Amino acid sequence: MYFRFVKKILLLSDTHSYIDDQILKFVKQADEVWHAGDIGDLKVTDTIKALKPLRGVYGNIDDAEARSEFPLDNKFEVENVPVWITHIGGYPGKYNQRVREEIKKNPPQIFICGHSHILKVQFDNSLNLLHINPGAAGKHGFHKIRTMVRFELDNGEIKNMEVIELAKRSTL
């Protein structure tokens, strides 16, 4: 008998020290949580880690404590899917100068960044990778709606991707 395990991923970014029960409801449904930086207070990641495995990176607003716990770039493989997470990464055709050459030489299957607070999921045909920016899950910033992304990884495939809208900023 053969069982396949599908890994459920919750992707968030730009919490800026904010975590609430709405975010935690989705954390509990995931197998792993990935944070693309601008964590703010480490109580955010400590709260997540108490519930689920967490992979993350630090962002430009994060202090020395966050930078000692999380890397600038996090490269790993889950369910035969190579992943690269960094906070400031740019977009297909406009990658940040710091990552541009390396991403061309060795593109991951999924490239994740945060920073802009703008939700964007875009396939990069030239590098054959999926670019994901989950927007911002926190309350700090210009975004109008707090967002996260969730998806499943299954033996090299990315499946069932969906955007989670948490709340409009006007109700915050």
N, C-alpha and C. Protein backbone atom coordinates (compact mmCIF):
# COMPACT_ATOMS: atom_id res chain seq x y z
N MET A 1 0.84 -1.17 0.00
CA MET A 1 0.00 0.00 0.00
C MET A 1 0.90 1.25 0.00
N TYR A 2 0.56 2.23 -0.83
CA TYR A 2 1.38 3.43 -0.99
C TYR A 2 0.57 4.65 -0.59
N PHE A 3 1.10 5.44 0.33
CA PHE A 3 0.44 6.68 0.75
C PHE A 3 1.29 7.86 0.32
N ARG A 4 0.64 8.85 -0.26
CA ARG A 4 1.33 10.09 -0.60
C ARG A 4 0.93 11.14 0.41
N PHE A 5 1.91 11.93 0.79
CA PHE A 5 1.63 13.00 1.75
C PHE A 5 1.71 14.33 1.03
N VAL A 6 0.63 15.06 1.02
CA VAL A 6 0.58 16.39 0.44
C VAL A 6 0.87 17.39 1.55
N LYS A 7 1.82 18.28 1.33
CA LYS A 7 2.22 19.25 2.35
C LYS A 7 1.44 20.55 2.13
N LYS A 8 0.70 20.97 3.16
CA LYS A 8 -0.09 22.21 3.11
C LYS A 8 0.75 23.35 3.67
N ILE A 9 0.95 24.37 2.83
CA ILE A 9 1.81 25.50 3.17
C ILE A 9 0.98 26.77 3.34
N LEU A 10 1.24 27.51 4.41
CA LEU A 10 0.69 28.85 4.58
C LEU A 10 1.84 29.82 4.43
N LEU A 11 1.69 30.78 3.54
CA LEU A 11 2.73 31.77 3.24
C LEU A 11 2.24 33.15 3.65
N LEU A 12 3.04 33.82 4.49
CA LEU A 12 2.70 35.18 4.88
C LEU A 12 3.95 36.04 4.90
N SER A 13 3.73 37.33 4.97
CA SER A 13 4.84 38.29 5.00
C SER A 13 4.37 39.57 5.66
N ASP A 14 5.32 40.40 5.99
CA ASP A 14 5.05 41.76 6.44
C ASP A 14 3.99 41.82 7.55
N THR A 15 4.24 41.04 8.61
CA THR A 15 3.35 41.08 9.76
C THR A 15 3.60 42.32 10.61
N HIS A 16 4.80 42.86 10.56
CA HIS A 16 5.13 44.08 11.30
C HIS A 16 4.64 44.02 12.75
N SER A 17 4.99 42.93 13.45
CA SER A 17 4.69 42.71 14.87
C SER A 17 3.23 42.35 15.15
N TYR A 18 2.45 42.11 14.13
CA TYR A 18 1.02 41.85 14.34
C TYR A 18 0.66 40.39 14.05
N ILE A 19 -0.03 39.78 14.99
CA ILE A 19 -0.61 38.45 14.78
C ILE A 19 -1.92 38.41 15.54
N ASP A 20 -2.92 37.77 14.96
CA ASP A 20 -4.23 37.70 15.60
C ASP A 20 -4.84 36.32 15.39
N ASP A 21 -6.01 36.11 15.96
CA ASP A 21 -6.68 34.81 15.86
C ASP A 21 -7.04 34.46 14.42
N GLN A 22 -7.27 35.47 13.61
CA GLN A 22 -7.60 35.23 12.20
C GLN A 22 -6.41 34.57 11.48
N ILE A 23 -5.22 35.08 11.71
CA ILE A 23 -4.01 34.47 11.13
C ILE A 23 -3.82 33.08 11.73
N LEU A 24 -3.96 32.96 13.03
CA LEU A 24 -3.69 31.69 13.71
C LEU A 24 -4.65 30.59 13.29
N LYS A 25 -5.86 30.95 12.91
CA LYS A 25 -6.81 29.95 12.42
C LYS A 25 -6.23 29.24 11.19
N PHE A 26 -5.60 29.99 10.30
CA PHE A 26 -5.01 29.41 9.09
C PHE A 26 -3.67 28.72 9.39
N VAL A 27 -2.93 29.23 10.37
CA VAL A 27 -1.70 28.56 10.79
C VAL A 27 -2.03 27.13 11.23
N LYS A 28 -3.07 26.98 12.02
CA LYS A 28 -3.45 25.66 12.54
C LYS A 28 -3.84 24.68 11.43
N GLN A 29 -4.30 25.18 10.29
CA GLN A 29 -4.71 24.32 9.18
C GLN A 29 -3.54 23.89 8.30
N ALA A 30 -2.39 24.50 8.47
CA ALA A 30 -1.22 24.23 7.62
C ALA A 30 -0.34 23.14 8.22
N ASP A 31 0.48 22.55 7.35
CA ASP A 31 1.52 21.64 7.83
C ASP A 31 2.80 22.41 8.15
N GLU A 32 3.08 23.46 7.35
CA GLU A 32 4.22 24.35 7.56
C GLU A 32 3.79 25.77 7.29
N VAL A 33 4.45 26.71 7.95
CA VAL A 33 4.22 28.14 7.71
C VAL A 33 5.54 28.74 7.24
N TRP A 34 5.45 29.57 6.19
CA TRP A 34 6.62 30.26 5.67
C TRP A 34 6.38 31.76 5.81
N HIS A 35 7.38 32.48 6.33
CA HIS A 35 7.27 33.94 6.54
C HIS A 35 8.34 34.63 5.71
N ALA A 36 7.92 35.54 4.83
CA ALA A 36 8.83 36.21 3.90
C ALA A 36 9.34 37.56 4.42
N GLY A 37 9.49 37.70 5.73
CA GLY A 37 10.18 38.85 6.28
C GLY A 37 9.33 40.02 6.72
N ASP A 38 10.00 40.99 7.35
CA ASP A 38 9.36 42.08 8.09
C ASP A 38 8.44 41.48 9.15
N ILE A 39 9.07 40.68 9.98
CA ILE A 39 8.39 40.00 11.08
C ILE A 39 7.98 41.02 12.14
N GLY A 40 8.90 41.91 12.46
CA GLY A 40 8.68 42.84 13.56
C GLY A 40 9.05 42.14 14.85
N ASP A 41 8.16 42.11 15.80
CA ASP A 41 8.40 41.47 17.10
C ASP A 41 8.44 39.95 16.91
N LEU A 42 9.45 39.30 17.49
CA LEU A 42 9.57 37.84 17.37
C LEU A 42 8.46 37.08 18.07
N LYS A 43 7.60 37.76 18.81
CA LYS A 43 6.43 37.08 19.38
C LYS A 43 5.57 36.52 18.25
N VAL A 44 5.61 37.15 17.08
CA VAL A 44 4.85 36.65 15.93
C VAL A 44 5.35 35.26 15.54
N THR A 45 6.65 35.13 15.30
CA THR A 45 7.19 33.84 14.87
C THR A 45 7.21 32.84 16.02
N ASP A 46 7.41 33.29 17.25
CA ASP A 46 7.35 32.38 18.39
C ASP A 46 5.95 31.77 18.53
N THR A 47 4.93 32.58 18.32
CA THR A 47 3.55 32.10 18.39
C THR A 47 3.28 31.06 17.30
N ILE A 48 3.76 31.34 16.09
CA ILE A 48 3.59 30.40 14.99
C ILE A 48 4.35 29.10 15.27
N LYS A 49 5.61 29.23 15.71
CA LYS A 49 6.45 28.05 15.96
C LYS A 49 5.88 27.16 17.06
N ALA A 50 5.12 27.72 17.97
CA ALA A 50 4.49 26.91 19.02
C ALA A 50 3.41 26.00 18.45
N LEU A 51 2.94 26.34 17.26
CA LEU A 51 1.86 25.57 16.63
C LEU A 51 2.32 24.70 15.46
N LYS A 52 3.22 25.23 14.63
CA LYS A 52 3.61 24.55 13.40
C LYS A 52 5.08 24.82 13.07
N PRO A 53 5.68 23.94 12.26
CA PRO A 53 7.04 24.24 11.78
C PRO A 53 7.04 25.53 10.96
N LEU A 54 8.09 26.32 11.13
CA LEU A 54 8.18 27.63 10.48
C LEU A 54 9.51 27.76 9.76
N ARG A 55 9.45 28.27 8.55
CA ARG A 55 10.65 28.68 7.79
C ARG A 55 10.46 30.15 7.50
N GLY A 56 11.53 30.92 7.59
CA GLY A 56 11.38 32.35 7.35
C GLY A 56 12.68 33.02 6.99
N VAL A 57 12.56 34.31 6.74
CA VAL A 57 13.70 35.19 6.48
C VAL A 57 13.45 36.49 7.22
N TYR A 58 14.51 37.24 7.43
CA TYR A 58 14.31 38.57 8.02
C TYR A 58 14.08 39.58 6.91
N GLY A 59 13.43 40.67 7.28
CA GLY A 59 13.18 41.76 6.34
C GLY A 59 13.90 43.02 6.75
N ASN A 60 13.72 44.06 5.98
CA ASN A 60 14.46 45.30 6.20
C ASN A 60 14.09 46.01 7.50
N ILE A 61 12.92 45.75 8.09
CA ILE A 61 12.57 46.40 9.36
C ILE A 61 12.99 45.56 10.57
N ASP A 62 13.45 44.34 10.33
CA ASP A 62 13.73 43.43 11.43
C ASP A 62 15.05 43.78 12.12
N ASP A 63 15.04 43.59 13.45
CA ASP A 63 16.19 43.97 14.27
C ASP A 63 17.24 42.86 14.33
N ALA A 64 18.29 43.12 15.10
CA ALA A 64 19.41 42.17 15.20
C ALA A 64 18.95 40.82 15.74
N GLU A 65 17.99 40.81 16.64
CA GLU A 65 17.49 39.54 17.19
C GLU A 65 16.84 38.69 16.09
N ALA A 66 16.02 39.29 15.27
CA ALA A 66 15.39 38.56 14.16
C ALA A 66 16.45 38.12 13.15
N ARG A 67 17.42 38.98 12.91
CA ARG A 67 18.48 38.66 11.94
C ARG A 67 19.38 37.54 12.44
N SER A 68 19.46 37.36 13.75
CA SER A 68 20.26 36.25 14.27
C SER A 68 19.47 34.93 14.22
N GLU A 69 18.15 35.02 14.20
CA GLU A 69 17.32 33.80 14.15
C GLU A 69 16.98 33.37 12.73
N PHE A 70 16.81 34.34 11.83
CA PHE A 70 16.40 34.03 10.46
C PHE A 70 17.44 34.53 9.46
N PRO A 71 17.62 33.82 8.34
CA PRO A 71 18.59 34.25 7.33
C PRO A 71 18.01 35.31 6.39
N LEU A 72 18.87 35.93 5.60
CA LEU A 72 18.45 36.85 4.54
C LEU A 72 17.78 36.07 3.41
N ASP A 73 18.36 34.92 3.07
CA ASP A 73 17.83 34.03 2.04
C ASP A 73 17.62 32.66 2.66
N ASN A 74 16.51 32.04 2.35
CA ASN A 74 16.24 30.69 2.83
C ASN A 74 15.95 29.83 1.61
N LYS A 75 16.85 28.91 1.33
CA LYS A 75 16.71 28.02 0.18
C LYS A 75 16.57 26.60 0.71
N PHE A 76 15.55 25.90 0.24
CA PHE A 76 15.27 24.55 0.73
C PHE A 76 14.40 23.84 -0.30
N GLU A 77 14.14 22.57 -0.02
CA GLU A 77 13.28 21.78 -0.90
C GLU A 77 12.25 21.07 -0.04
N VAL A 78 10.98 21.13 -0.46
CA VAL A 78 9.89 20.44 0.21
C VAL A 78 9.09 19.69 -0.86
N GLU A 79 8.86 18.40 -0.63
CA GLU A 79 8.09 17.59 -1.58
C GLU A 79 8.64 17.71 -3.01
N ASN A 80 9.96 17.67 -3.13
CA ASN A 80 10.65 17.76 -4.42
C ASN A 80 10.42 19.09 -5.15
N VAL A 81 10.13 20.13 -4.40
CA VAL A 81 9.95 21.47 -4.96
C VAL A 81 11.03 22.38 -4.37
N PRO A 82 12.00 22.84 -5.19
CA PRO A 82 13.01 23.79 -4.71
C PRO A 82 12.38 25.18 -4.49
N VAL A 83 12.71 25.77 -3.35
CA VAL A 83 12.11 27.05 -2.94
C VAL A 83 13.22 28.01 -2.53
N TRP A 84 13.03 29.28 -2.85
CA TRP A 84 13.92 30.34 -2.39
C TRP A 84 13.03 31.45 -1.83
N ILE A 85 13.23 31.77 -0.55
CA ILE A 85 12.52 32.88 0.07
C ILE A 85 13.53 33.97 0.42
N THR A 86 13.20 35.20 0.08
CA THR A 86 13.97 36.36 0.50
C THR A 86 12.98 37.50 0.66
N HIS A 87 13.32 38.53 1.41
CA HIS A 87 12.34 39.59 1.64
C HIS A 87 12.24 40.54 0.44
N ILE A 88 13.37 41.05 -0.02
CA ILE A 88 13.36 41.99 -1.14
C ILE A 88 13.93 41.26 -2.35
N GLY A 89 13.06 40.82 -3.23
CA GLY A 89 13.49 40.00 -4.36
C GLY A 89 13.12 40.54 -5.72
N GLY A 90 12.18 41.48 -5.77
CA GLY A 90 11.74 41.98 -7.06
C GLY A 90 10.71 41.06 -7.70
N TYR A 91 10.55 41.21 -9.01
CA TYR A 91 9.52 40.50 -9.76
C TYR A 91 10.10 39.99 -11.07
N PRO A 92 9.42 39.04 -11.72
CA PRO A 92 9.91 38.57 -13.03
C PRO A 92 10.20 39.74 -13.97
N GLY A 93 11.39 39.70 -14.55
CA GLY A 93 11.84 40.77 -15.42
C GLY A 93 12.44 41.96 -14.68
N LYS A 94 12.21 42.03 -13.37
CA LYS A 94 12.70 43.15 -12.55
C LYS A 94 13.21 42.63 -11.21
N TYR A 95 13.99 41.55 -11.25
CA TYR A 95 14.51 41.02 -9.99
C TYR A 95 15.50 41.98 -9.38
N ASN A 96 15.55 41.98 -8.07
CA ASN A 96 16.49 42.80 -7.32
C ASN A 96 17.92 42.45 -7.74
N GLN A 97 18.75 43.45 -7.87
CA GLN A 97 20.12 43.26 -8.34
C GLN A 97 20.88 42.23 -7.50
N ARG A 98 20.60 42.17 -6.20
CA ARG A 98 21.29 41.24 -5.32
C ARG A 98 21.04 39.77 -5.69
N VAL A 99 19.85 39.47 -6.21
CA VAL A 99 19.49 38.07 -6.51
C VAL A 99 19.53 37.73 -8.00
N ARG A 100 19.59 38.74 -8.84
CA ARG A 100 19.39 38.58 -10.28
C ARG A 100 20.28 37.51 -10.93
N GLU A 101 21.56 37.57 -10.72
CA GLU A 101 22.46 36.61 -11.39
C GLU A 101 22.27 35.19 -10.86
N GLU A 102 22.12 35.07 -9.54
CA GLU A 102 21.97 33.74 -8.96
C GLU A 102 20.66 33.08 -9.37
N ILE A 103 19.59 33.85 -9.47
CA ILE A 103 18.30 33.27 -9.85
C ILE A 103 18.31 32.82 -11.31
N LYS A 104 19.09 33.52 -12.13
CA LYS A 104 19.22 33.10 -13.54
C LYS A 104 20.04 31.82 -13.66
N LYS A 105 21.09 31.70 -12.84
CA LYS A 105 21.96 30.51 -12.90
C LYS A 105 21.30 29.28 -12.32
N ASN A 106 20.54 29.46 -11.24
CA ASN A 106 19.97 28.33 -10.52
C ASN A 106 18.56 28.67 -10.04
N PRO A 107 17.60 28.76 -10.96
CA PRO A 107 16.25 29.16 -10.55
C PRO A 107 15.55 28.09 -9.72
N PRO A 108 14.88 28.48 -8.65
CA PRO A 108 14.07 27.55 -7.89
C PRO A 108 12.75 27.30 -8.64
N GLN A 109 11.95 26.39 -8.17
CA GLN A 109 10.62 26.21 -8.76
C GLN A 109 9.66 27.28 -8.24
N ILE A 110 9.89 27.69 -6.97
CA ILE A 110 9.10 28.78 -6.37
C ILE A 110 10.07 29.82 -5.82
N PHE A 111 9.86 31.08 -6.20
CA PHE A 111 10.63 32.20 -5.67
C PHE A 111 9.65 33.09 -4.91
N ILE A 112 9.92 33.30 -3.62
CA ILE A 112 9.00 34.02 -2.74
C ILE A 112 9.69 35.26 -2.18
N CYS A 113 8.97 36.37 -2.19
CA CYS A 113 9.46 37.56 -1.51
C CYS A 113 8.28 38.32 -0.92
N GLY A 114 8.59 39.29 -0.11
CA GLY A 114 7.59 40.15 0.51
C GLY A 114 7.91 41.59 0.15
N HIS A 115 7.95 42.44 1.15
CA HIS A 115 8.41 43.82 1.09
C HIS A 115 7.42 44.81 0.49
N SER A 116 6.85 44.54 -0.68
CA SER A 116 6.03 45.53 -1.36
C SER A 116 4.64 45.68 -0.76
N HIS A 117 4.18 44.71 0.04
CA HIS A 117 2.82 44.66 0.56
C HIS A 117 1.80 44.46 -0.56
N ILE A 118 2.27 44.13 -1.75
CA ILE A 118 1.38 43.93 -2.91
C ILE A 118 1.31 42.44 -3.23
N LEU A 119 0.13 41.87 -3.10
CA LEU A 119 -0.08 40.47 -3.42
C LEU A 119 0.14 40.26 -4.92
N LYS A 120 1.01 39.30 -5.25
CA LYS A 120 1.25 39.00 -6.66
C LYS A 120 1.70 37.56 -6.79
N VAL A 121 1.03 36.83 -7.67
CA VAL A 121 1.44 35.48 -8.04
C VAL A 121 1.61 35.51 -9.55
N GLN A 122 2.83 35.22 -10.01
CA GLN A 122 3.14 35.39 -11.42
C GLN A 122 4.12 34.32 -11.87
N PHE A 123 3.84 33.69 -13.00
CA PHE A 123 4.77 32.70 -13.53
C PHE A 123 5.81 33.41 -14.39
N ASP A 124 7.07 33.11 -14.15
CA ASP A 124 8.17 33.67 -14.93
C ASP A 124 8.54 32.64 -16.00
N ASN A 125 8.07 32.87 -17.22
CA ASN A 125 8.32 31.94 -18.32
C ASN A 125 9.80 31.84 -18.67
N SER A 126 10.53 32.95 -18.54
CA SER A 126 11.94 32.94 -18.94
C SER A 126 12.79 32.06 -18.00
N LEU A 127 12.41 31.96 -16.72
CA LEU A 127 13.16 31.16 -15.76
C LEU A 127 12.40 29.91 -15.32
N ASN A 128 11.18 29.74 -15.84
CA ASN A 128 10.35 28.58 -15.52
C ASN A 128 10.17 28.43 -14.00
N LEU A 129 9.76 29.52 -13.35
CA LEU A 129 9.52 29.50 -11.91
C LEU A 129 8.24 30.25 -11.58
N LEU A 130 7.69 29.93 -10.42
CA LEU A 130 6.51 30.64 -9.92
C LEU A 130 6.98 31.66 -8.89
N HIS A 131 6.63 32.91 -9.14
CA HIS A 131 6.97 34.00 -8.21
C HIS A 131 5.73 34.28 -7.36
N ILE A 132 5.93 34.34 -6.04
CA ILE A 132 4.82 34.62 -5.13
C ILE A 132 5.21 35.70 -4.15
N ASN A 133 4.38 36.72 -4.05
CA ASN A 133 4.45 37.70 -2.96
C ASN A 133 3.08 37.64 -2.30
N PRO A 134 3.01 37.21 -1.03
CA PRO A 134 1.70 37.02 -0.39
C PRO A 134 1.04 38.31 0.09
N GLY A 135 1.63 39.46 -0.22
CA GLY A 135 1.09 40.71 0.29
C GLY A 135 1.48 40.87 1.75
N ALA A 136 0.67 41.58 2.52
CA ALA A 136 0.99 41.85 3.92
C ALA A 136 -0.11 41.33 4.83
N ALA A 137 0.28 40.56 5.85
CA ALA A 137 -0.68 40.02 6.81
C ALA A 137 -0.85 40.95 8.01
N GLY A 138 0.05 41.91 8.16
CA GLY A 138 -0.02 42.84 9.29
C GLY A 138 -0.87 44.05 9.00
N LYS A 139 -0.93 44.95 9.98
CA LYS A 139 -1.76 46.15 9.85
C LYS A 139 -0.97 47.38 9.44
N HIS A 140 0.36 47.31 9.46
CA HIS A 140 1.19 48.46 9.15
C HIS A 140 1.48 48.52 7.66
N GLY A 141 1.23 49.66 7.03
CA GLY A 141 1.54 49.82 5.61
C GLY A 141 0.37 50.40 4.85
N PHE A 142 0.53 50.51 3.55
CA PHE A 142 -0.47 51.17 2.72
C PHE A 142 -1.49 50.20 2.12
N HIS A 143 -1.27 48.90 2.25
CA HIS A 143 -2.18 47.92 1.65
C HIS A 143 -3.60 48.10 2.20
N LYS A 144 -4.58 47.82 1.36
CA LYS A 144 -5.97 48.00 1.76
C LYS A 144 -6.55 46.74 2.39
N ILE A 145 -6.06 45.58 1.99
CA ILE A 145 -6.54 44.31 2.51
C ILE A 145 -5.36 43.48 2.98
N ARG A 146 -5.46 42.91 4.18
CA ARG A 146 -4.44 42.00 4.70
C ARG A 146 -4.59 40.66 3.98
N THR A 147 -3.47 40.13 3.47
CA THR A 147 -3.54 38.90 2.69
C THR A 147 -2.45 37.90 3.07
N MET A 148 -2.73 36.64 2.76
CA MET A 148 -1.78 35.55 2.85
C MET A 148 -2.09 34.63 1.66
N VAL A 149 -1.23 33.65 1.44
CA VAL A 149 -1.45 32.68 0.36
C VAL A 149 -1.27 31.29 0.96
N ARG A 150 -2.10 30.36 0.51
CA ARG A 150 -1.86 28.98 0.90
C ARG A 150 -1.92 28.09 -0.34
N PHE A 151 -1.17 26.98 -0.26
CA PHE A 151 -1.10 26.06 -1.38
C PHE A 151 -0.61 24.72 -0.87
N GLU A 152 -0.63 23.75 -1.76
CA GLU A 152 -0.15 22.41 -1.41
C GLU A 152 1.02 22.05 -2.30
N LEU A 153 1.95 21.31 -1.74
CA LEU A 153 3.07 20.75 -2.49
C LEU A 153 2.92 19.24 -2.49
N ASP A 154 3.02 18.65 -3.68
CA ASP A 154 2.80 17.22 -3.82
C ASP A 154 3.78 16.66 -4.85
N ASN A 155 4.88 16.11 -4.35
CA ASN A 155 5.86 15.44 -5.20
C ASN A 155 6.21 16.23 -6.46
N GLY A 156 6.68 17.45 -6.27
CA GLY A 156 7.13 18.27 -7.39
C GLY A 156 6.06 19.18 -7.98
N GLU A 157 4.84 19.07 -7.52
CA GLU A 157 3.75 19.89 -8.05
C GLU A 157 3.24 20.88 -7.02
N ILE A 158 2.84 22.05 -7.51
CA ILE A 158 2.21 23.09 -6.69
C ILE A 158 0.72 23.03 -7.02
N LYS A 159 -0.10 22.84 -6.00
CA LYS A 159 -1.53 22.62 -6.22
C LYS A 159 -2.39 23.49 -5.31
N ASN A 160 -3.62 23.69 -5.75
CA ASN A 160 -4.68 24.29 -4.92
C ASN A 160 -4.27 25.61 -4.26
N MET A 161 -3.64 26.48 -5.04
CA MET A 161 -3.23 27.77 -4.49
C MET A 161 -4.44 28.68 -4.32
N GLU A 162 -4.47 29.35 -3.18
CA GLU A 162 -5.56 30.30 -2.95
C GLU A 162 -5.06 31.50 -2.15
N VAL A 163 -5.69 32.62 -2.40
CA VAL A 163 -5.42 33.85 -1.67
C VAL A 163 -6.37 33.91 -0.49
N ILE A 164 -5.84 34.26 0.66
CA ILE A 164 -6.66 34.45 1.86
C ILE A 164 -6.70 35.94 2.15
N GLU A 165 -7.90 36.51 2.13
CA GLU A 165 -8.09 37.90 2.52
C GLU A 165 -8.54 37.91 3.96
N LEU A 166 -7.75 38.57 4.81
CA LEU A 166 -8.02 38.55 6.25
C LEU A 166 -8.99 39.65 6.67
N ALA A 167 -8.72 40.86 6.28
CA ALA A 167 -9.57 41.99 6.68
C ALA A 167 -9.21 43.20 5.84
N LYS A 168 -10.19 44.05 5.64
CA LYS A 168 -9.92 45.32 4.98
C LYS A 168 -9.33 46.27 6.02
N ARG A 169 -8.44 47.13 5.58
CA ARG A 169 -7.78 48.06 6.50
C ARG A 169 -8.79 49.00 7.17
N SER A 170 -9.88 49.32 6.49
CA SER A 170 -10.86 50.24 7.07
C SER A 170 -11.54 49.66 8.30
N THR A 171 -11.48 48.30 8.45
CA THR A 171 -12.10 47.66 9.62
C THR A 171 -11.09 47.40 10.72
N LEU A 172 -9.86 47.81 10.52
CA LEU A 172 -8.80 47.51 11.50
C LEU A 172 -8.85 48.50 12.66
